[in-house]
Amino acid sequence: MTDLTKLTLAAARKGLAAKEFASIDLTEAYLGAIEQANPQLNAYVAVTAHEARTMANASDEKRANGVAGPLEGIPLGIKDLFGTKGVHTQAASHILDGFRPEYESTVTANLWRDGAVMLGKLNMDEFAMGSSNETSHYGPVINPWRAGNSTANLVPGGSSGGSAAAVSAWLCAGATATDTGGSIRQPAALTGTVGIKPTYGRCSRWGIVAFASSLDQAGPIARTVEDAAILLTSMAGFDPRDSTSAELPVPDFAAAVERGVKGLTIGIPREYRMDGMPDEIEKLWRQGIAWLTAEGAIIRDISLPHTKYALPTYYIVAPAEASSNLARYDGVKYGLRVTGKDITDMYELTRAKGFGREVKRRVMIGTYVLSAGYYDAYYVQAQKVRTLIKRDFEDAFNAGIDAILTPATPSAAFGVGDEDMKADPVKMYLNDVFTVTVNMAGLPGIAVPAGKDGQGLPLGLQVIGKPFDEETLFAAGRVIERSAATDFSPKQWW
């Protein structure tokens, strides 16, 4: 039998439907792969083997009785940001030690409704704050990819690094992830996987630990464009418990995958050609344009003039919202508690010990920009610029642009513990330079593996779409995937 863990989600679904194997067989194969790989990759922070076997057996029983959901028996990994009832949910933070919620996030509840199986909780940057998965309380995730003949460990990107690494290393059939400034698309690009950040409001945020509430959005990371489309169809949907959830029908996204791009007008924003951009990124971008043109797309240069302000604007808005959201972690009701001489001392000691360095940095920035003397100068101004960034995209779409093609990241994966990144946080923040605009405008964006750099590491292209037009992104993403015709499987070393 083929190694079951190497099947795409779509192929596994067909195999289960044809009764070539059972869900328990598929689940056991993944649990065995996790046991072998996780000590080296650190992708999972909690493996829920008992729950996985129970869910897999239940799926097999349902199928035997002629009942099967769209994801019946498919084993998935869940980012540690999603609340899972009675199961470890800590946002990879020390301050949430021992937290097991009494509720289930809407997104994961939707997946279980459709028959999916939970393999465990995936590592991430603490509270989703990071671009390399090095800020986790549980230590860094290691990218399954290595450069050339090197044995040096590389980062998988962040914050959904555990999700991307687990999918890339065949440790789950697909994974949930979240994207606040690029946290689905950037790790997908660095690991040779597909990641889509849907339109803000497409997936419910209820039950997901909040970072920046006006930016956070859940989405899938998968091995193929089709797999990502299948997962998003189950994850999405209106939820009255989330006031920002869009009351719109969920399309069959997988049906749009082979639609093609003939007749579509694809915008190429000149502002994304940035000083110092590596030649290999520019070359890949030109290659993507050629692929889309060959498939019948019309290419048009466009301007998104406020792009240069996106990163500084994001790093005002996101920390401001984070400082508000993280105020609830005080050691009183749940998680870590460090006793002090009075309640104020307990708050201070608990937060000092419970939050990591990057989280503290962003809370401090957020508190500063919201303070009485600086609120108008920083936060209000940032919100005005955010409106201008959103308007740039609206102007492009109103002028006949159907989607926008850009690079996904400014480089391939870099080394764990990179000294330049550690010494200068701004260099780390620059990893999100191509992705943050999408969150600021609430738009959908997909990252698809499209090529490799000189050291054989994966590189991705990003397609940005109109609000609630994820179908066009899947269609364009499939064209890139098919045109690249490259095997984006890492060479197994673990």
Protein backbone atom coordinates (compact mmCIF):
# COMPACT_ATOMS: atom_id res chain seq x y z
CA MET A 1 0.00 0.00 0.00
CA THR A 2 1.14 3.56 -0.73
CA ASP A 3 2.40 5.45 2.32
CA LEU A 4 -0.94 6.85 3.44
CA THR A 5 0.61 10.02 4.86
CA LYS A 6 1.93 10.99 1.40
CA LEU A 7 -1.57 11.17 -0.10
CA THR A 8 -3.12 14.55 -0.76
CA LEU A 9 -6.28 15.29 1.22
CA ALA A 10 -8.34 14.87 -1.97
CA ALA A 11 -6.71 11.49 -2.71
CA ALA A 12 -7.19 10.33 0.88
CA ARG A 13 -10.84 11.30 0.68
CA LYS A 14 -11.27 9.25 -2.50
CA GLY A 15 -9.45 6.28 -0.96
CA LEU A 16 -11.69 6.35 2.09
CA ALA A 17 -14.80 6.62 -0.07
CA ALA A 18 -13.64 3.63 -2.16
CA LYS A 19 -12.90 1.70 1.08
CA GLU A 20 -9.31 1.11 0.01
CA PHE A 21 -8.37 1.84 3.63
CA ALA A 22 -10.14 2.99 6.78
CA SER A 23 -9.86 6.23 8.71
CA ILE A 24 -8.23 4.37 11.59
CA ASP A 25 -5.50 3.17 9.16
CA LEU A 26 -4.92 6.73 7.95
CA THR A 27 -4.93 8.09 11.49
CA GLU A 28 -2.48 5.45 12.76
CA ALA A 29 -0.15 6.24 9.86
CA TYR A 30 -0.13 9.93 10.81
CA LEU A 31 0.30 9.21 14.53
CA GLY A 32 3.30 7.02 13.68
CA ALA A 33 4.79 9.76 11.48
CA ILE A 34 4.30 12.33 14.26
CA GLU A 35 5.98 10.06 16.82
CA GLN A 36 9.01 9.73 14.55
CA ALA A 37 9.29 13.33 13.35
CA ASN A 38 8.07 15.59 16.13
CA PRO A 39 11.16 15.28 18.37
CA GLN A 40 13.16 16.84 15.50
CA LEU A 41 10.57 19.26 14.04
CA ASN A 42 8.64 20.34 17.17
CA ALA A 43 5.52 20.95 15.06
CA TYR A 44 3.02 19.60 17.62
CA VAL A 45 2.74 20.90 21.18
CA ALA A 46 0.09 18.31 22.08
CA VAL A 47 -0.71 15.03 20.33
CA THR A 48 -4.28 13.88 20.96
CA ALA A 49 -3.82 10.21 20.05
CA HIS A 50 -6.76 8.92 22.12
CA GLU A 51 -9.16 11.50 20.69
CA ALA A 52 -7.85 10.85 17.16
CA ARG A 53 -8.46 7.10 17.39
CA THR A 54 -11.90 7.63 18.89
CA MET A 55 -12.89 10.06 16.13
CA ALA A 56 -11.43 7.82 13.40
CA ASN A 57 -13.32 4.76 14.64
CA ALA A 58 -16.52 6.83 14.80
CA SER A 59 -15.94 7.95 11.19
CA ASP A 60 -15.43 4.37 10.03
CA GLU A 61 -18.65 3.36 11.76
CA LYS A 62 -20.55 6.23 10.11
CA ARG A 63 -19.20 5.28 6.69
CA ALA A 64 -20.18 1.64 7.25
CA ASN A 65 -23.70 2.88 7.95
CA GLY A 66 -23.76 4.85 4.70
CA VAL A 67 -23.26 8.26 6.30
CA ALA A 68 -20.18 10.35 5.50
CA GLY A 69 -19.42 14.06 5.77
CA PRO A 70 -17.26 16.02 3.32
CA LEU A 71 -14.15 15.45 5.50
CA GLU A 72 -15.17 12.10 6.95
CA GLY A 73 -12.15 10.39 8.50
CA ILE A 74 -9.54 12.97 7.37
CA PRO A 75 -6.86 13.61 10.06
CA LEU A 76 -6.02 17.28 10.62
CA GLY A 77 -3.67 19.32 12.79
CA ILE A 78 -5.11 22.30 14.70
CA LYS A 79 -3.16 25.47 15.44
CA ASP A 80 -2.86 26.05 19.19
CA LEU A 81 -4.82 29.30 18.80
CA PHE A 82 -8.14 27.47 18.22
CA GLY A 83 -10.16 26.60 21.31
CA THR A 84 -10.69 22.82 21.47
CA LYS A 85 -13.00 21.63 24.24
CA GLY A 86 -11.16 19.82 27.02
CA VAL A 87 -7.90 19.85 25.04
CA HIS A 88 -4.67 21.88 25.47
CA THR A 89 -5.24 25.43 24.13
CA GLN A 90 -2.46 27.80 25.15
CA ALA A 91 -1.59 29.99 22.13
CA ALA A 92 1.96 28.63 22.71
CA SER A 93 2.22 30.92 25.76
CA HIS A 94 3.38 30.25 29.31
CA ILE A 95 0.65 32.54 30.66
CA LEU A 96 -2.06 30.06 29.58
CA ASP A 97 -0.44 27.07 31.32
CA GLY A 98 -2.88 24.22 31.78
CA PHE A 99 -5.78 25.92 29.99
CA ARG A 100 -8.33 23.52 28.54
CA PRO A 101 -11.42 25.40 27.40
CA GLU A 102 -15.00 24.34 28.07
CA TYR A 103 -15.94 25.43 24.55
CA GLU A 104 -15.09 24.58 20.94
CA SER A 105 -14.17 27.21 18.37
CA THR A 106 -16.67 27.56 15.55
CA VAL A 107 -14.08 26.68 12.89
CA THR A 108 -13.04 23.42 14.57
CA ALA A 109 -16.68 22.58 15.36
CA ASN A 110 -17.40 22.95 11.63
CA LEU A 111 -14.56 20.55 10.82
CA TRP A 112 -15.75 17.93 13.34
CA ARG A 113 -19.31 18.34 11.98
CA ASP A 114 -17.96 17.39 8.56
CA GLY A 115 -16.17 14.31 9.93
CA ALA A 116 -12.56 15.45 10.36
CA VAL A 117 -10.24 13.79 12.91
CA MET A 118 -8.04 15.82 15.33
CA LEU A 119 -4.43 14.64 15.53
CA GLY A 120 -3.32 17.34 17.97
CA LYS A 121 -2.46 20.99 18.54
CA LEU A 122 0.22 22.66 16.46
CA ASN A 123 3.05 24.92 17.58
CA MET A 124 3.02 28.62 16.70
CA ASP A 125 4.53 31.97 17.62
CA GLU A 126 3.26 33.02 21.04
CA PHE A 127 -0.19 34.65 20.66
CA ALA A 128 0.50 34.58 16.88
CA MET A 129 3.12 37.32 17.27
CA GLY A 130 6.07 36.45 15.05
CA SER A 131 7.26 35.64 11.56
CA SER A 132 9.56 32.69 12.28
CA ASN A 133 7.89 30.52 14.96
CA GLU A 134 10.75 31.29 17.34
CA THR A 135 8.66 33.12 19.97
CA SER A 136 6.77 29.99 21.11
CA HIS A 137 7.00 29.02 24.78
CA TYR A 138 7.58 25.48 23.48
CA GLY A 139 10.61 26.40 21.39
CA PRO A 140 11.02 26.96 17.66
CA VAL A 141 9.47 24.80 14.96
CA ILE A 142 12.04 23.45 12.50
CA ASN A 143 11.35 23.72 8.77
CA PRO A 144 11.36 20.27 7.09
CA TRP A 145 13.33 21.88 4.24
CA ARG A 146 17.10 22.31 4.27
CA ALA A 147 19.32 24.37 1.99
CA GLY A 148 21.43 22.37 -0.49
CA ASN A 149 23.58 19.88 1.39
CA SER A 150 23.43 21.90 4.61
CA THR A 151 22.26 20.43 7.91
CA ALA A 152 21.48 23.86 9.40
CA ASN A 153 17.97 24.25 10.80
CA LEU A 154 15.72 26.76 9.06
CA VAL A 155 12.58 28.54 10.30
CA PRO A 156 9.20 27.55 8.81
CA GLY A 157 7.86 31.11 9.01
CA GLY A 158 5.21 32.31 11.40
CA SER A 159 3.02 32.56 13.17
CA SER A 160 1.47 29.36 11.79
CA GLY A 161 4.84 27.63 11.52
CA GLY A 162 3.69 24.43 13.18
CA SER A 163 0.78 24.17 10.75
CA ALA A 164 3.00 24.71 7.70
CA ALA A 165 5.77 22.37 8.90
CA ALA A 166 3.31 19.60 9.80
CA VAL A 167 1.65 19.74 6.37
CA SER A 168 4.99 19.91 4.56
CA ALA A 169 6.44 16.97 6.54
CA TRP A 170 3.38 14.71 6.04
CA LEU A 171 2.32 14.91 9.70
CA CYS A 172 -1.34 15.75 8.88
CA ALA A 173 -3.53 15.84 5.78
CA GLY A 174 -4.13 19.56 6.31
CA ALA A 175 -4.09 22.11 9.10
CA THR A 176 -5.95 25.10 10.46
CA ALA A 177 -4.04 28.36 10.71
CA THR A 178 -4.67 32.05 11.29
CA ASP A 179 -3.43 35.15 9.48
CA THR A 180 -3.17 38.61 11.08
CA GLY A 181 -0.42 40.08 8.89
CA GLY A 182 0.73 37.13 6.79
CA SER A 183 0.75 34.25 9.27
CA ILE A 184 -0.81 31.75 6.84
CA ARG A 185 0.76 32.90 3.58
CA GLN A 186 4.33 33.52 4.75
CA PRO A 187 4.90 30.09 6.38
CA ALA A 188 3.15 28.39 3.44
CA ALA A 189 5.60 30.08 1.05
CA LEU A 190 8.61 29.06 3.17
CA THR A 191 7.59 25.39 3.36
CA GLY A 192 6.31 24.69 -0.15
CA THR A 193 2.67 24.43 0.94
CA VAL A 194 -0.53 26.26 -0.05
CA GLY A 195 -2.09 28.74 2.38
CA ILE A 196 -5.12 30.97 1.94
CA LYS A 197 -6.16 33.88 4.13
CA PRO A 198 -9.87 34.29 3.35
CA THR A 199 -11.76 37.58 3.31
CA TYR A 200 -12.22 39.08 6.78
CA GLY A 201 -15.54 37.68 8.00
CA ARG A 202 -15.51 34.51 5.85
CA CYS A 203 -14.54 32.31 8.82
CA SER A 204 -15.81 32.89 12.35
CA ARG A 205 -13.31 34.20 14.90
CA TRP A 206 -15.40 32.83 17.81
CA GLY A 207 -13.34 30.60 20.07
CA ILE A 208 -9.99 31.63 18.54
CA VAL A 209 -7.55 33.34 20.92
CA ALA A 210 -7.48 36.98 19.80
CA PHE A 211 -4.37 38.88 18.70
CA ALA A 212 -5.70 41.85 16.69
CA SER A 213 -9.44 41.51 16.29
CA SER A 214 -9.87 43.69 13.19
CA LEU A 215 -7.14 41.76 11.34
CA ASP A 216 -7.30 38.11 12.52
CA GLN A 217 -8.76 35.57 10.10
CA ALA A 218 -8.69 31.77 10.08
CA GLY A 219 -7.81 29.72 7.02
CA PRO A 220 -6.24 26.43 5.94
CA ILE A 221 -2.72 25.31 5.05
CA ALA A 222 -2.63 22.30 2.74
CA ARG A 223 -0.45 20.50 0.22
CA THR A 224 -2.38 21.51 -2.89
CA VAL A 225 -4.75 24.24 -4.03
CA GLU A 226 -7.56 21.70 -4.25
CA ASP A 227 -6.92 20.51 -0.67
CA ALA A 228 -7.02 24.11 0.60
CA ALA A 229 -10.31 24.68 -1.23
CA ILE A 230 -11.85 21.54 0.31
CA LEU A 231 -10.79 22.62 3.81
CA LEU A 232 -12.00 26.21 3.47
CA THR A 233 -15.44 25.02 2.34
CA SER A 234 -15.82 23.26 5.71
CA MET A 235 -14.14 25.95 7.84
CA ALA A 236 -16.16 28.91 6.52
CA GLY A 237 -19.70 29.99 7.30
CA PHE A 238 -21.81 32.58 9.10
CA ASP A 239 -21.72 32.57 12.90
CA PRO A 240 -24.08 34.82 14.88
CA ARG A 241 -21.63 34.67 17.81
CA ASP A 242 -19.06 36.67 15.82
CA SER A 243 -20.35 40.16 15.02
CA THR A 244 -17.86 40.46 12.14
CA SER A 245 -18.95 37.18 10.52
CA ALA A 246 -20.41 37.66 7.03
CA GLU A 247 -23.90 36.29 6.47
CA LEU A 248 -23.14 34.93 3.02
CA PRO A 249 -23.48 31.45 1.49
CA VAL A 250 -20.28 29.38 1.33
CA PRO A 251 -19.46 28.35 -2.26
CA ASP A 252 -18.10 24.93 -3.16
CA PHE A 253 -14.57 26.30 -3.45
CA ALA A 254 -13.18 23.04 -4.89
CA ALA A 255 -15.53 23.40 -7.88
CA ALA A 256 -13.70 26.62 -8.84
CA VAL A 257 -10.19 25.17 -8.77
CA GLU A 258 -10.06 24.11 -12.44
CA ARG A 259 -11.93 27.19 -13.70
CA GLY A 260 -8.80 28.76 -15.18
CA VAL A 261 -7.92 32.44 -15.65
CA LYS A 262 -8.85 33.00 -19.30
CA GLY A 263 -10.21 36.52 -19.72
CA LEU A 264 -9.28 37.66 -16.21
CA THR A 265 -7.37 40.91 -15.78
CA ILE A 266 -4.45 40.48 -13.38
CA GLY A 267 -2.89 43.56 -11.80
CA ILE A 268 0.86 43.86 -11.18
CA PRO A 269 1.47 46.56 -8.53
CA ARG A 270 4.60 48.57 -9.24
CA GLU A 271 5.04 49.43 -5.54
CA TYR A 272 5.84 45.77 -4.77
CA ARG A 273 9.09 46.07 -6.73
CA MET A 274 11.06 47.18 -3.71
CA ASP A 275 14.66 48.29 -3.32
CA GLY A 276 16.95 45.39 -2.52
CA MET A 277 14.47 42.73 -3.57
CA PRO A 278 16.46 39.58 -4.50
CA ASP A 279 16.75 38.81 -8.22
CA GLU A 280 15.29 35.34 -7.69
CA ILE A 281 12.07 36.84 -6.28
CA GLU A 282 11.80 39.22 -9.23
CA LYS A 283 12.48 36.34 -11.65
CA LEU A 284 9.80 34.18 -10.03
CA TRP A 285 7.30 37.04 -10.24
CA ARG A 286 8.00 37.44 -13.97
CA GLN A 287 7.59 33.69 -14.40
CA GLY A 288 4.19 33.84 -12.67
CA ILE A 289 3.11 36.62 -15.02
CA ALA A 290 4.17 34.48 -18.00
CA TRP A 291 2.20 31.47 -16.71
CA LEU A 292 -0.98 33.47 -16.24
CA THR A 293 -0.57 35.13 -19.65
CA ALA A 294 -0.13 31.73 -21.30
CA GLU A 295 -3.44 30.64 -19.77
CA GLY A 296 -5.30 33.59 -21.25
CA ALA A 297 -5.10 36.20 -18.50
CA ILE A 298 -4.67 39.89 -19.35
CA ILE A 299 -1.81 41.54 -17.44
CA ARG A 300 -2.00 45.18 -16.43
CA ASP A 301 0.40 47.33 -14.41
CA ILE A 302 -1.36 49.04 -11.51
CA SER A 303 -0.48 51.39 -8.67
CA LEU A 304 -1.19 50.85 -4.99
CA PRO A 305 0.41 54.12 -3.84
CA HIS A 306 0.00 53.71 -0.07
CA THR A 307 1.76 50.33 0.05
CA LYS A 308 4.91 51.88 1.54
CA TYR A 309 2.94 52.90 4.63
CA ALA A 310 1.38 49.46 5.20
CA LEU A 311 4.04 47.92 7.43
CA PRO A 312 4.40 50.85 9.88
CA THR A 313 0.61 51.23 9.95
CA TYR A 314 0.18 47.53 10.72
CA TYR A 315 2.72 47.73 13.56
CA ILE A 316 0.63 50.45 15.18
CA VAL A 317 -2.83 48.94 14.69
CA ALA A 318 -1.98 45.33 15.53
CA PRO A 319 -0.06 46.01 18.78
CA ALA A 320 -2.75 48.48 19.88
CA GLU A 321 -5.44 45.82 19.53
CA ALA A 322 -3.14 43.23 21.11
CA SER A 323 -2.54 45.38 24.18
CA SER A 324 -6.30 45.55 24.68
CA ASN A 325 -6.96 41.87 23.99
CA LEU A 326 -4.14 40.59 26.19
CA ALA A 327 -5.24 42.65 29.21
CA ARG A 328 -7.49 39.69 30.16
CA TYR A 329 -4.44 37.56 31.07
CA ASP A 330 -3.84 38.51 34.67
CA GLY A 331 -3.54 35.25 36.65
CA VAL A 332 -6.97 35.54 38.25
CA LYS A 333 -9.32 33.10 36.50
CA TYR A 334 -7.14 30.74 34.46
CA GLY A 335 -3.61 29.97 33.36
CA LEU A 336 -0.42 30.91 35.15
CA ARG A 337 -0.55 32.68 38.52
CA VAL A 338 2.49 34.08 40.30
CA THR A 339 1.51 35.15 43.82
CA GLY A 340 2.49 38.59 45.06
CA LYS A 341 2.00 40.77 48.13
CA ASP A 342 -1.26 42.17 46.69
CA ILE A 343 -3.38 41.86 43.54
CA THR A 344 -1.44 44.50 41.60
CA ASP A 345 1.82 42.72 42.41
CA MET A 346 0.26 39.42 41.27
CA TYR A 347 -0.76 40.99 37.95
CA GLU A 348 2.73 42.34 37.36
CA LEU A 349 4.59 39.17 38.37
CA THR A 350 2.26 36.89 36.40
CA ARG A 351 2.57 38.94 33.22
CA ALA A 352 6.32 39.36 33.62
CA LYS A 353 6.80 35.61 33.85
CA GLY A 354 3.94 34.52 31.58
CA PHE A 355 4.49 36.65 28.47
CA GLY A 356 7.50 36.17 26.21
CA ARG A 357 9.79 38.93 25.02
CA GLU A 358 8.08 39.61 21.67
CA VAL A 359 4.62 39.69 23.23
CA LYS A 360 5.82 42.14 25.88
CA ARG A 361 7.38 44.32 23.17
CA ARG A 362 4.12 44.50 21.21
CA VAL A 363 1.97 45.10 24.29
CA MET A 364 4.27 47.98 25.25
CA ILE A 365 4.09 49.46 21.74
CA GLY A 366 0.31 49.09 21.73
CA THR A 367 -0.12 50.65 25.15
CA TYR A 368 2.11 53.55 24.11
CA VAL A 369 0.21 54.35 20.89
CA LEU A 370 -3.12 54.22 22.74
CA SER A 371 -1.96 56.44 25.61
CA ALA A 372 -3.53 59.83 26.14
CA GLY A 373 -0.72 61.90 24.69
CA TYR A 374 -0.15 59.79 21.58
CA TYR A 375 -3.53 58.30 20.60
CA ASP A 376 -4.28 60.93 17.93
CA ALA A 377 -0.73 61.11 16.64
CA TYR A 378 -0.30 57.37 16.17
CA TYR A 379 -3.44 55.22 16.40
CA VAL A 380 -5.93 57.61 14.80
CA GLN A 381 -3.44 58.48 12.08
CA ALA A 382 -2.78 54.79 11.41
CA GLN A 383 -6.48 54.11 11.00
CA LYS A 384 -6.72 56.92 8.44
CA VAL A 385 -3.80 55.46 6.48
CA ARG A 386 -5.43 52.02 6.70
CA THR A 387 -8.48 53.48 4.97
CA LEU A 388 -6.26 54.81 2.18
CA ILE A 389 -4.61 51.39 1.74
CA LYS A 390 -8.06 49.80 1.45
CA ARG A 391 -9.10 52.47 -1.05
CA ASP A 392 -6.07 51.70 -3.26
CA PHE A 393 -7.35 48.15 -3.71
CA GLU A 394 -10.94 49.32 -4.26
CA ASP A 395 -9.78 51.70 -6.99
CA ALA A 396 -7.89 48.87 -8.73
CA PHE A 397 -10.84 46.48 -8.59
CA ASN A 398 -13.27 49.19 -9.72
CA ALA A 399 -10.99 49.83 -12.71
CA GLY A 400 -11.49 46.26 -13.93
CA ILE A 401 -8.78 44.31 -12.10
CA ASP A 402 -9.96 40.79 -11.16
CA ALA A 403 -6.96 39.77 -9.03
CA ILE A 404 -3.44 40.94 -8.17
CA LEU A 405 -0.21 38.93 -8.45
CA THR A 406 2.73 39.63 -6.11
CA PRO A 407 5.58 37.75 -4.43
CA ALA A 408 4.58 36.06 -1.17
CA THR A 409 7.81 36.71 0.78
CA PRO A 410 10.97 38.78 0.26
CA SER A 411 13.20 35.69 0.63
CA ALA A 412 13.29 31.94 1.19
CA ALA A 413 13.49 30.45 4.70
CA PHE A 414 16.30 31.77 6.91
CA GLY A 415 18.20 30.13 9.74
CA VAL A 416 16.87 29.49 13.22
CA GLY A 417 18.46 32.03 15.56
CA ASP A 418 19.52 34.32 12.70
CA GLU A 419 21.63 37.00 14.40
CA ASP A 420 20.48 39.88 12.17
CA MET A 421 16.83 39.09 12.88
CA LYS A 422 17.47 38.78 16.62
CA ALA A 423 19.41 42.03 16.80
CA ASP A 424 16.85 44.09 14.86
CA PRO A 425 13.13 43.29 15.28
CA VAL A 426 12.30 45.50 12.27
CA LYS A 427 14.21 43.09 9.99
CA MET A 428 11.95 40.31 11.25
CA TYR A 429 8.87 42.46 10.67
CA LEU A 430 9.96 43.04 7.05
CA ASN A 431 9.17 39.38 6.31
CA ASP A 432 5.51 40.47 6.16
CA VAL A 433 6.09 43.32 3.71
CA PHE A 434 4.09 41.67 0.88
CA THR A 435 1.30 40.30 3.06
CA VAL A 436 0.18 42.95 5.59
CA THR A 437 -1.69 45.08 3.03
CA VAL A 438 -4.17 42.25 2.50
CA ASN A 439 -5.09 42.16 6.20
CA MET A 440 -5.30 45.93 6.43
CA ALA A 441 -7.85 45.90 3.59
CA GLY A 442 -9.67 42.75 4.77
CA LEU A 443 -9.09 41.02 1.42
CA PRO A 444 -8.45 37.36 0.56
CA GLY A 445 -4.95 36.27 -0.42
CA ILE A 446 -3.44 32.90 -1.35
CA ALA A 447 0.20 31.79 -1.34
CA VAL A 448 1.14 29.02 -3.76
CA PRO A 449 4.57 27.37 -4.13
CA ALA A 450 5.94 28.42 -7.52
CA GLY A 451 9.66 27.78 -7.60
CA LYS A 452 12.89 27.31 -5.65
CA ASP A 453 15.86 29.51 -4.87
CA GLY A 454 19.48 28.73 -5.70
CA GLN A 455 19.76 26.49 -2.64
CA GLY A 456 16.69 24.47 -3.49
CA LEU A 457 14.38 26.13 -0.97
CA PRO A 458 10.73 26.81 -1.91
CA LEU A 459 9.48 30.24 -2.94
CA GLY A 460 5.85 31.29 -3.29
CA LEU A 461 3.69 33.68 -5.26
CA GLN A 462 0.69 35.49 -3.81
CA VAL A 463 -2.64 36.20 -5.50
CA ILE A 464 -4.86 38.88 -3.91
CA GLY A 465 -8.57 38.97 -4.71
CA LYS A 466 -11.74 40.98 -4.34
CA PRO A 467 -13.74 40.65 -1.12
CA PHE A 468 -15.41 37.23 -0.89
CA ASP A 469 -14.00 36.14 -4.25
CA GLU A 470 -11.80 33.31 -2.97
CA GLU A 471 -12.94 31.24 -5.97
CA THR A 472 -10.84 33.36 -8.35
CA LEU A 473 -7.83 32.88 -6.05
CA PHE A 474 -8.21 29.11 -6.13
CA ALA A 475 -8.52 29.19 -9.93
CA ALA A 476 -5.41 31.38 -10.35
CA GLY A 477 -3.53 29.43 -7.69
CA ARG A 478 -4.21 26.18 -9.53
CA VAL A 479 -2.82 27.68 -12.76
CA ILE A 480 0.40 28.60 -10.93
CA GLU A 481 0.57 25.18 -9.25
CA ARG A 482 0.05 23.32 -12.53
CA SER A 483 2.45 25.56 -14.47
CA ALA A 484 5.21 25.22 -11.86
CA ALA A 485 4.94 21.42 -12.18
CA THR A 486 7.46 21.04 -9.36
CA ASP A 487 7.61 18.54 -6.52
CA PHE A 488 7.46 20.57 -3.31
CA SER A 489 8.16 17.65 -1.01
CA PRO A 490 11.13 18.14 1.33
CA LYS A 491 13.86 15.51 1.35
CA GLN A 492 13.23 13.52 4.51
CA TRP A 493 16.07 13.83 7.05
CA TRP A 494 14.20 13.40 10.33
